[in-house]
Amino acid sequence: MFFLGCDSGSSKIAFAVSDDAGHVLVKTEFPAITLFRGGQDTYAADMKRYLDTVLDRAGLRPDQITCAAFGLTGYGETVTSSEDMGSAVAAALPGVRCILANDSVVGWSGALQASTGIHVVSGTGSIAYGEDGHGGAERAGGWSLFYGDEGSCYWVGVQGINAFYRQADGRMEKTLLFDYFMDLFQVKDPLFACGAFEDLTEGGSADRVAAFQRHVLALYQLGDPVAKNIYVRAAEQLSLLVSALKNRLHFDGDRPVSVSWSGGLFKAGECVLVPFSEKIRALGCVPVQPAFGPLAGAVGYAARNMLSPEDISRLMHAVDSAESHSG
């Protein structure tokens, strides 16, 4: 049996193919594609081109794939997105059993090895997904960068620049943050920082604003209290996602709910992990280090009902450990 997994996010799309013994035939990534930017025709053409390349490198025909699982950003988030994405995948893999889900699902699958619990993603945006072991599956967050996605890298970047503006006009006491951003923007008048920020983020590009989080992290590491508070607030926002899912799902009451995490914000380390873990424990949950990444989770999700949990774990480990090659 051969299983194909896809993890499609806002910055890249990754694929892996493995057999049921854990031999990884290909693991690769390409520039991101989204249905909402290029439209259905462009999305379908890009998906087919990528999948043709993946299968060619794996030395397989589409009819040799036992099952394929796709974690797709934006899946199910408009009236037609599920149907449009499904059509694109079906056209690229005719006759193949394909499972399509939001990318938060494969993140959960990899981090918790497709077992009961909640997984929180905080990258460019933020979202959480959980399953309770009784057929219940729910998500929270992920409402868009402009109207939600609290606690994400984008949100942290916005909070950092907002603090600068408030310190500039006197609504907040000046801290190290003010001088840091004045030097970063290379301006003598804080009013000029508005244009400088637009230039630095290429007109407010989502990825660029999210990447601005690294400057807030630098300020945290320098001891700035405002930066520290931003991460504490981010942790609070992310814990609210967990609280919402814990209330909506029906977990067994005899053991604490496992909560895992992934995404760029958590790579910042203790500034967010420590307060997040504290808030998770206060909810009666237990923080669990993520076992594997979302691409391994996608391959494991494809094999979910065909292999034993032990075999799926070995499969995920093989994919996670394999070297990835850019497309």
Protein backbone atom coordinates (compact mmCIF):
# COMPACT_ATOMS: atom_id res chain seq x y z
CA MET A 1 0.00 0.00 0.00
CA PHE A 2 1.11 3.55 -0.74
CA PHE A 3 -0.07 6.63 1.12
CA LEU A 4 0.20 10.25 -0.03
CA GLY A 5 0.01 13.20 2.33
CA CYS A 6 -0.23 16.92 1.64
CA ASP A 7 0.12 19.84 4.03
CA SER A 8 -0.88 23.08 2.33
CA GLY A 9 -0.35 26.29 4.30
CA SER A 10 -0.05 29.99 3.58
CA SER A 11 3.72 29.91 2.97
CA LYS A 12 4.29 26.53 1.27
CA ILE A 13 2.69 23.27 0.18
CA ALA A 14 4.42 20.00 1.08
CA PHE A 15 3.91 16.42 -0.09
CA ALA A 16 5.14 13.01 0.99
CA VAL A 17 4.55 9.49 -0.26
CA SER A 18 5.32 6.41 1.81
CA ASP A 19 4.55 2.71 1.63
CA ASP A 20 2.94 0.85 4.52
CA ALA A 21 6.34 -0.32 5.78
CA GLY A 22 7.49 3.27 6.32
CA HIS A 23 9.72 3.62 3.26
CA VAL A 24 9.43 7.26 2.19
CA LEU A 25 9.53 7.49 -1.58
CA VAL A 26 9.41 11.27 -1.81
CA LYS A 27 9.16 14.26 0.49
CA THR A 28 9.14 17.68 -1.12
CA GLU A 29 7.67 21.17 -0.97
CA PHE A 30 6.67 23.87 -3.42
CA PRO A 31 5.53 27.51 -3.27
CA ALA A 32 2.12 27.90 -1.65
CA ILE A 33 -1.06 27.82 -3.69
CA THR A 34 -4.40 29.12 -2.46
CA LEU A 35 -7.79 28.97 -4.06
CA PHE A 36 -8.59 32.53 -3.01
CA ARG A 37 -5.66 34.23 -4.73
CA GLY A 38 -5.48 32.70 -8.18
CA GLY A 39 -8.97 31.29 -8.62
CA GLN A 40 -10.21 27.77 -9.36
CA ASP A 41 -8.49 27.23 -12.72
CA THR A 42 -5.07 28.33 -11.50
CA TYR A 43 -5.43 26.33 -8.29
CA ALA A 44 -6.41 23.17 -10.16
CA ALA A 45 -3.57 23.55 -12.67
CA ASP A 46 -0.98 24.11 -9.93
CA MET A 47 -2.28 21.18 -7.88
CA LYS A 48 -2.09 18.85 -10.88
CA ARG A 49 1.40 20.05 -11.79
CA TYR A 50 2.65 19.52 -8.25
CA LEU A 51 1.05 16.09 -7.91
CA ASP A 52 2.36 14.97 -11.30
CA THR A 53 5.85 15.93 -10.14
CA VAL A 54 5.44 14.13 -6.80
CA LEU A 55 4.21 10.90 -8.39
CA ASP A 56 6.93 11.04 -11.03
CA ARG A 57 9.59 11.34 -8.32
CA ALA A 58 7.97 8.50 -6.39
CA GLY A 59 7.86 6.34 -9.51
CA LEU A 60 4.15 5.69 -9.09
CA ARG A 61 0.97 6.01 -11.11
CA PRO A 62 -2.11 7.59 -9.52
CA ASP A 63 -3.89 4.22 -9.41
CA GLN A 64 -1.12 2.84 -7.19
CA ILE A 65 -1.97 5.28 -4.37
CA THR A 66 -4.09 3.48 -1.76
CA CYS A 67 -5.28 6.68 -0.10
CA ALA A 68 -4.28 10.35 -0.10
CA ALA A 69 -4.97 12.90 2.62
CA PHE A 70 -4.84 16.66 2.09
CA GLY A 71 -4.70 19.31 4.79
CA LEU A 72 -5.63 22.46 2.89
CA THR A 73 -5.62 26.02 4.15
CA GLY A 74 -9.04 27.58 3.65
CA TYR A 75 -10.79 24.24 3.16
CA GLY A 76 -14.45 24.53 4.12
CA GLU A 77 -14.21 28.26 4.77
CA THR A 78 -16.40 29.46 1.89
CA VAL A 79 -19.60 28.09 0.37
CA THR A 80 -17.76 26.48 -2.54
CA SER A 81 -14.17 25.99 -1.31
CA SER A 82 -14.63 22.34 -0.30
CA GLU A 83 -16.18 21.47 -3.66
CA ASP A 84 -13.62 23.49 -5.65
CA MET A 85 -10.62 22.03 -3.83
CA GLY A 86 -12.11 18.54 -4.08
CA SER A 87 -12.56 18.94 -7.82
CA ALA A 88 -8.95 20.06 -8.23
CA VAL A 89 -7.60 17.08 -6.29
CA ALA A 90 -9.93 14.60 -8.03
CA ALA A 91 -8.81 15.84 -11.44
CA ALA A 92 -5.16 15.42 -10.47
CA LEU A 93 -5.65 11.97 -8.87
CA PRO A 94 -8.48 10.31 -10.82
CA GLY A 95 -9.88 7.24 -9.13
CA VAL A 96 -7.82 7.67 -5.96
CA ARG A 97 -9.51 7.67 -2.55
CA CYS A 98 -8.79 11.17 -1.24
CA ILE A 99 -9.55 12.66 2.17
CA LEU A 100 -9.68 16.46 2.27
CA ALA A 101 -9.66 18.53 5.44
CA ASN A 102 -8.55 21.86 6.79
CA ASP A 103 -4.80 22.05 7.43
CA SER A 104 -5.50 22.24 11.17
CA VAL A 105 -6.64 18.59 11.02
CA VAL A 106 -3.32 17.21 9.75
CA GLY A 107 -1.55 19.37 12.34
CA TRP A 108 -3.61 17.63 15.02
CA SER A 109 -3.00 14.23 13.43
CA GLY A 110 0.78 14.62 13.50
CA ALA A 111 1.12 16.29 16.88
CA LEU A 112 -1.17 13.89 18.77
CA GLN A 113 -0.70 10.87 16.48
CA ALA A 114 -4.38 11.07 15.52
CA SER A 115 -5.46 10.44 19.11
CA THR A 116 -7.92 12.20 21.42
CA GLY A 117 -7.06 15.79 22.27
CA ILE A 118 -6.71 19.36 21.05
CA HIS A 119 -4.05 20.86 18.83
CA VAL A 120 -3.34 24.60 18.59
CA VAL A 121 -1.61 26.14 15.58
CA SER A 122 -0.08 29.59 15.80
CA GLY A 123 1.77 30.50 12.64
CA THR A 124 0.89 33.38 10.34
CA GLY A 125 -2.65 32.85 11.64
CA SER A 126 -4.08 30.83 14.53
CA ILE A 127 -6.57 27.98 14.78
CA ALA A 128 -7.29 24.95 16.97
CA TYR A 129 -8.77 21.55 16.20
CA GLY A 130 -9.77 18.69 18.47
CA GLU A 131 -11.38 15.26 18.52
CA ASP A 132 -12.92 13.67 21.60
CA GLY A 133 -12.76 9.98 20.70
CA HIS A 134 -16.56 9.71 20.50
CA GLY A 135 -16.98 10.99 16.96
CA GLY A 136 -16.87 14.65 17.97
CA ALA A 137 -14.58 16.91 15.95
CA GLU A 138 -14.52 20.70 16.20
CA ARG A 139 -12.36 23.70 15.34
CA ALA A 140 -12.04 27.16 16.87
CA GLY A 141 -10.39 30.32 15.60
CA GLY A 142 -8.99 30.78 12.13
CA TRP A 143 -11.53 33.48 11.26
CA SER A 144 -8.97 35.47 9.18
CA LEU A 145 -6.00 37.68 9.94
CA PHE A 146 -8.00 40.88 9.72
CA TYR A 147 -10.92 39.89 11.94
CA GLY A 148 -9.49 37.25 14.24
CA ASP A 149 -6.53 34.83 14.44
CA GLU A 150 -5.66 36.22 17.86
CA GLY A 151 -2.40 34.96 19.32
CA SER A 152 -0.82 34.37 15.90
CA CYS A 153 2.50 35.68 14.62
CA TYR A 154 0.55 38.26 12.61
CA TRP A 155 -1.33 39.32 15.75
CA VAL A 156 1.90 39.62 17.75
CA GLY A 157 3.46 41.73 14.99
CA VAL A 158 0.44 44.05 14.96
CA GLN A 159 0.47 44.32 18.77
CA GLY A 160 4.14 45.29 18.67
CA ILE A 161 3.70 48.10 16.18
CA ASN A 162 0.51 49.24 17.93
CA ALA A 163 2.46 49.55 21.17
CA PHE A 164 5.02 51.69 19.35
CA TYR A 165 2.30 54.03 18.09
CA ARG A 166 0.78 54.36 21.57
CA GLN A 167 4.17 55.08 23.09
CA ALA A 168 4.84 57.63 20.35
CA ASP A 169 1.73 59.73 21.10
CA GLY A 170 1.78 59.37 24.89
CA ARG A 171 -0.96 56.80 25.46
CA MET A 172 1.64 54.44 26.86
CA GLU A 173 4.81 55.06 28.81
CA LYS A 174 7.90 54.75 26.64
CA THR A 175 10.00 51.61 27.05
CA LEU A 176 12.95 50.13 25.19
CA LEU A 177 10.45 49.23 22.46
CA PHE A 178 10.13 52.85 21.31
CA ASP A 179 13.83 53.44 20.68
CA TYR A 180 14.22 49.97 19.17
CA PHE A 181 11.59 50.66 16.51
CA MET A 182 12.84 54.20 15.87
CA ASP A 183 16.26 52.70 15.10
CA LEU A 184 14.73 49.88 13.06
CA PHE A 185 12.71 52.28 10.92
CA GLN A 186 15.61 54.77 10.77
CA VAL A 187 13.32 57.75 11.29
CA LYS A 188 13.69 60.91 13.35
CA ASP A 189 9.96 61.58 13.65
CA PRO A 190 7.70 58.69 14.78
CA LEU A 191 5.03 59.86 12.31
CA PHE A 192 7.32 58.68 9.53
CA ALA A 193 7.21 55.16 11.00
CA CYS A 194 3.83 54.52 9.37
CA GLY A 195 5.37 54.67 5.90
CA ALA A 196 8.48 52.85 7.06
CA PHE A 197 6.38 49.98 8.40
CA GLU A 198 4.50 49.76 5.12
CA ASP A 199 7.80 49.59 3.24
CA LEU A 200 9.24 47.01 5.63
CA THR A 201 6.19 44.77 5.26
CA GLU A 202 5.78 45.40 1.53
CA GLY A 203 2.43 47.09 1.92
CA GLY A 204 1.22 45.05 4.85
CA SER A 205 1.86 41.59 3.38
CA ALA A 206 0.50 38.97 5.78
CA ASP A 207 3.73 36.98 5.75
CA ARG A 208 5.83 40.12 6.30
CA VAL A 209 3.69 41.36 9.18
CA ALA A 210 3.85 37.88 10.74
CA ALA A 211 7.63 37.87 10.31
CA PHE A 212 7.72 41.18 12.23
CA GLN A 213 7.06 39.03 15.29
CA ARG A 214 10.81 38.37 15.46
CA HIS A 215 11.37 41.99 16.48
CA VAL A 216 8.90 41.63 19.34
CA LEU A 217 10.80 38.48 20.32
CA ALA A 218 14.08 40.40 20.25
CA LEU A 219 12.57 42.99 22.59
CA TYR A 220 11.36 40.22 24.90
CA GLN A 221 14.89 38.84 25.01
CA LEU A 222 16.17 42.33 25.85
CA GLY A 223 13.77 42.46 28.81
CA ASP A 224 11.15 44.86 27.47
CA PRO A 225 8.02 44.54 29.68
CA VAL A 226 5.60 45.45 26.89
CA ALA A 227 6.96 42.69 24.66
CA LYS A 228 6.67 40.23 27.54
CA ASN A 229 3.05 41.23 28.06
CA ILE A 230 2.28 40.75 24.36
CA TYR A 231 3.36 37.10 24.57
CA VAL A 232 1.40 36.57 27.78
CA ARG A 233 -1.68 37.96 26.03
CA ALA A 234 -1.00 35.77 22.98
CA ALA A 235 -0.88 32.72 25.26
CA GLU A 236 -4.18 33.79 26.81
CA GLN A 237 -5.81 34.11 23.39
CA LEU A 238 -4.57 30.68 22.32
CA SER A 239 -5.77 29.12 25.57
CA LEU A 240 -9.24 30.49 24.85
CA LEU A 241 -9.30 28.33 21.72
CA VAL A 242 -8.59 25.30 23.90
CA SER A 243 -11.26 26.30 26.40
CA ALA A 244 -13.84 26.68 23.63
CA LEU A 245 -13.11 23.24 22.19
CA LYS A 246 -12.99 21.60 25.60
CA ASN A 247 -16.49 22.93 26.28
CA ARG A 248 -17.89 21.92 22.88
CA LEU A 249 -16.41 18.42 22.72
CA HIS A 250 -17.22 15.48 25.00
CA PHE A 251 -13.96 14.24 26.44
CA ASP A 252 -13.86 11.46 29.01
CA GLY A 253 -13.82 13.03 32.44
CA ASP A 254 -11.47 10.53 34.06
CA ARG A 255 -8.28 11.95 32.52
CA PRO A 256 -7.07 15.40 31.50
CA VAL A 257 -7.35 16.48 27.88
CA SER A 258 -4.07 16.39 25.94
CA VAL A 259 -3.19 19.70 24.29
CA SER A 260 -0.40 20.06 21.76
CA TRP A 261 0.81 22.90 19.55
CA SER A 262 2.71 23.83 16.39
CA GLY A 263 3.56 26.86 14.29
CA GLY A 264 6.10 29.63 14.16
CA LEU A 265 5.01 31.48 17.30
CA PHE A 266 5.73 28.46 19.50
CA LYS A 267 9.24 28.32 18.05
CA ALA A 268 9.84 31.56 19.94
CA GLY A 269 10.19 29.32 23.01
CA GLU A 270 9.50 30.02 26.66
CA CYS A 271 8.05 33.50 26.11
CA VAL A 272 4.85 31.88 24.85
CA LEU A 273 5.21 28.23 25.88
CA VAL A 274 5.51 28.95 29.60
CA PRO A 275 2.38 31.12 29.94
CA PHE A 276 0.49 28.93 27.46
CA SER A 277 1.29 25.77 29.45
CA GLU A 278 0.25 27.47 32.67
CA LYS A 279 -3.10 28.48 31.22
CA ILE A 280 -3.64 25.01 29.73
CA ARG A 281 -3.06 23.36 33.09
CA ALA A 282 -5.47 25.83 34.70
CA LEU A 283 -8.12 24.50 32.30
CA GLY A 284 -7.56 20.98 33.60
CA CYS A 285 -5.64 19.96 30.48
CA VAL A 286 -2.12 18.60 30.08
CA PRO A 287 0.43 20.09 27.66
CA VAL A 288 1.86 17.44 25.33
CA GLN A 289 4.94 17.98 23.19
CA PRO A 290 3.97 17.51 19.52
CA ALA A 291 5.05 14.09 18.29
CA PHE A 292 5.31 14.82 14.56
CA GLY A 293 4.73 17.61 12.08
CA PRO A 294 1.65 18.20 9.91
CA LEU A 295 3.05 16.53 6.77
CA ALA A 296 3.67 13.31 8.70
CA GLY A 297 0.20 13.84 10.13
CA ALA A 298 -1.28 13.97 6.63
CA VAL A 299 0.36 10.67 5.61
CA GLY A 300 -0.75 9.07 8.88
CA TYR A 301 -4.28 10.41 8.35
CA ALA A 302 -4.38 8.73 4.94
CA ALA A 303 -3.48 5.42 6.60
CA ARG A 304 -5.68 6.00 9.65
CA ASN A 305 -8.20 3.20 9.08
CA MET A 306 -5.87 0.78 7.31
CA LEU A 307 -2.94 0.31 9.68
CA SER A 308 -2.57 -0.27 13.40
CA PRO A 309 -1.82 2.73 15.66
CA GLU A 310 1.72 1.37 16.14
CA ASP A 311 2.28 1.11 12.38
CA ILE A 312 0.87 4.59 11.81
CA SER A 313 3.23 5.97 14.46
CA ARG A 314 6.19 4.32 12.71
CA LEU A 315 4.93 5.69 9.39
CA MET A 316 4.72 9.22 10.77
CA HIS A 317 8.17 8.93 12.32
CA ALA A 318 9.64 7.86 8.98
CA VAL A 319 8.05 10.79 7.14
CA ASP A 320 9.03 13.27 9.84
CA SER A 321 12.63 12.06 9.77
CA ALA A 322 13.01 11.95 5.98
CA GLU A 323 14.92 14.71 4.23
CA SER A 324 12.77 17.18 2.31
CA HIS A 325 13.67 18.57 -1.09
CA SER A 326 12.32 21.83 -2.50
CA GLY A 327 10.37 21.54 -5.72
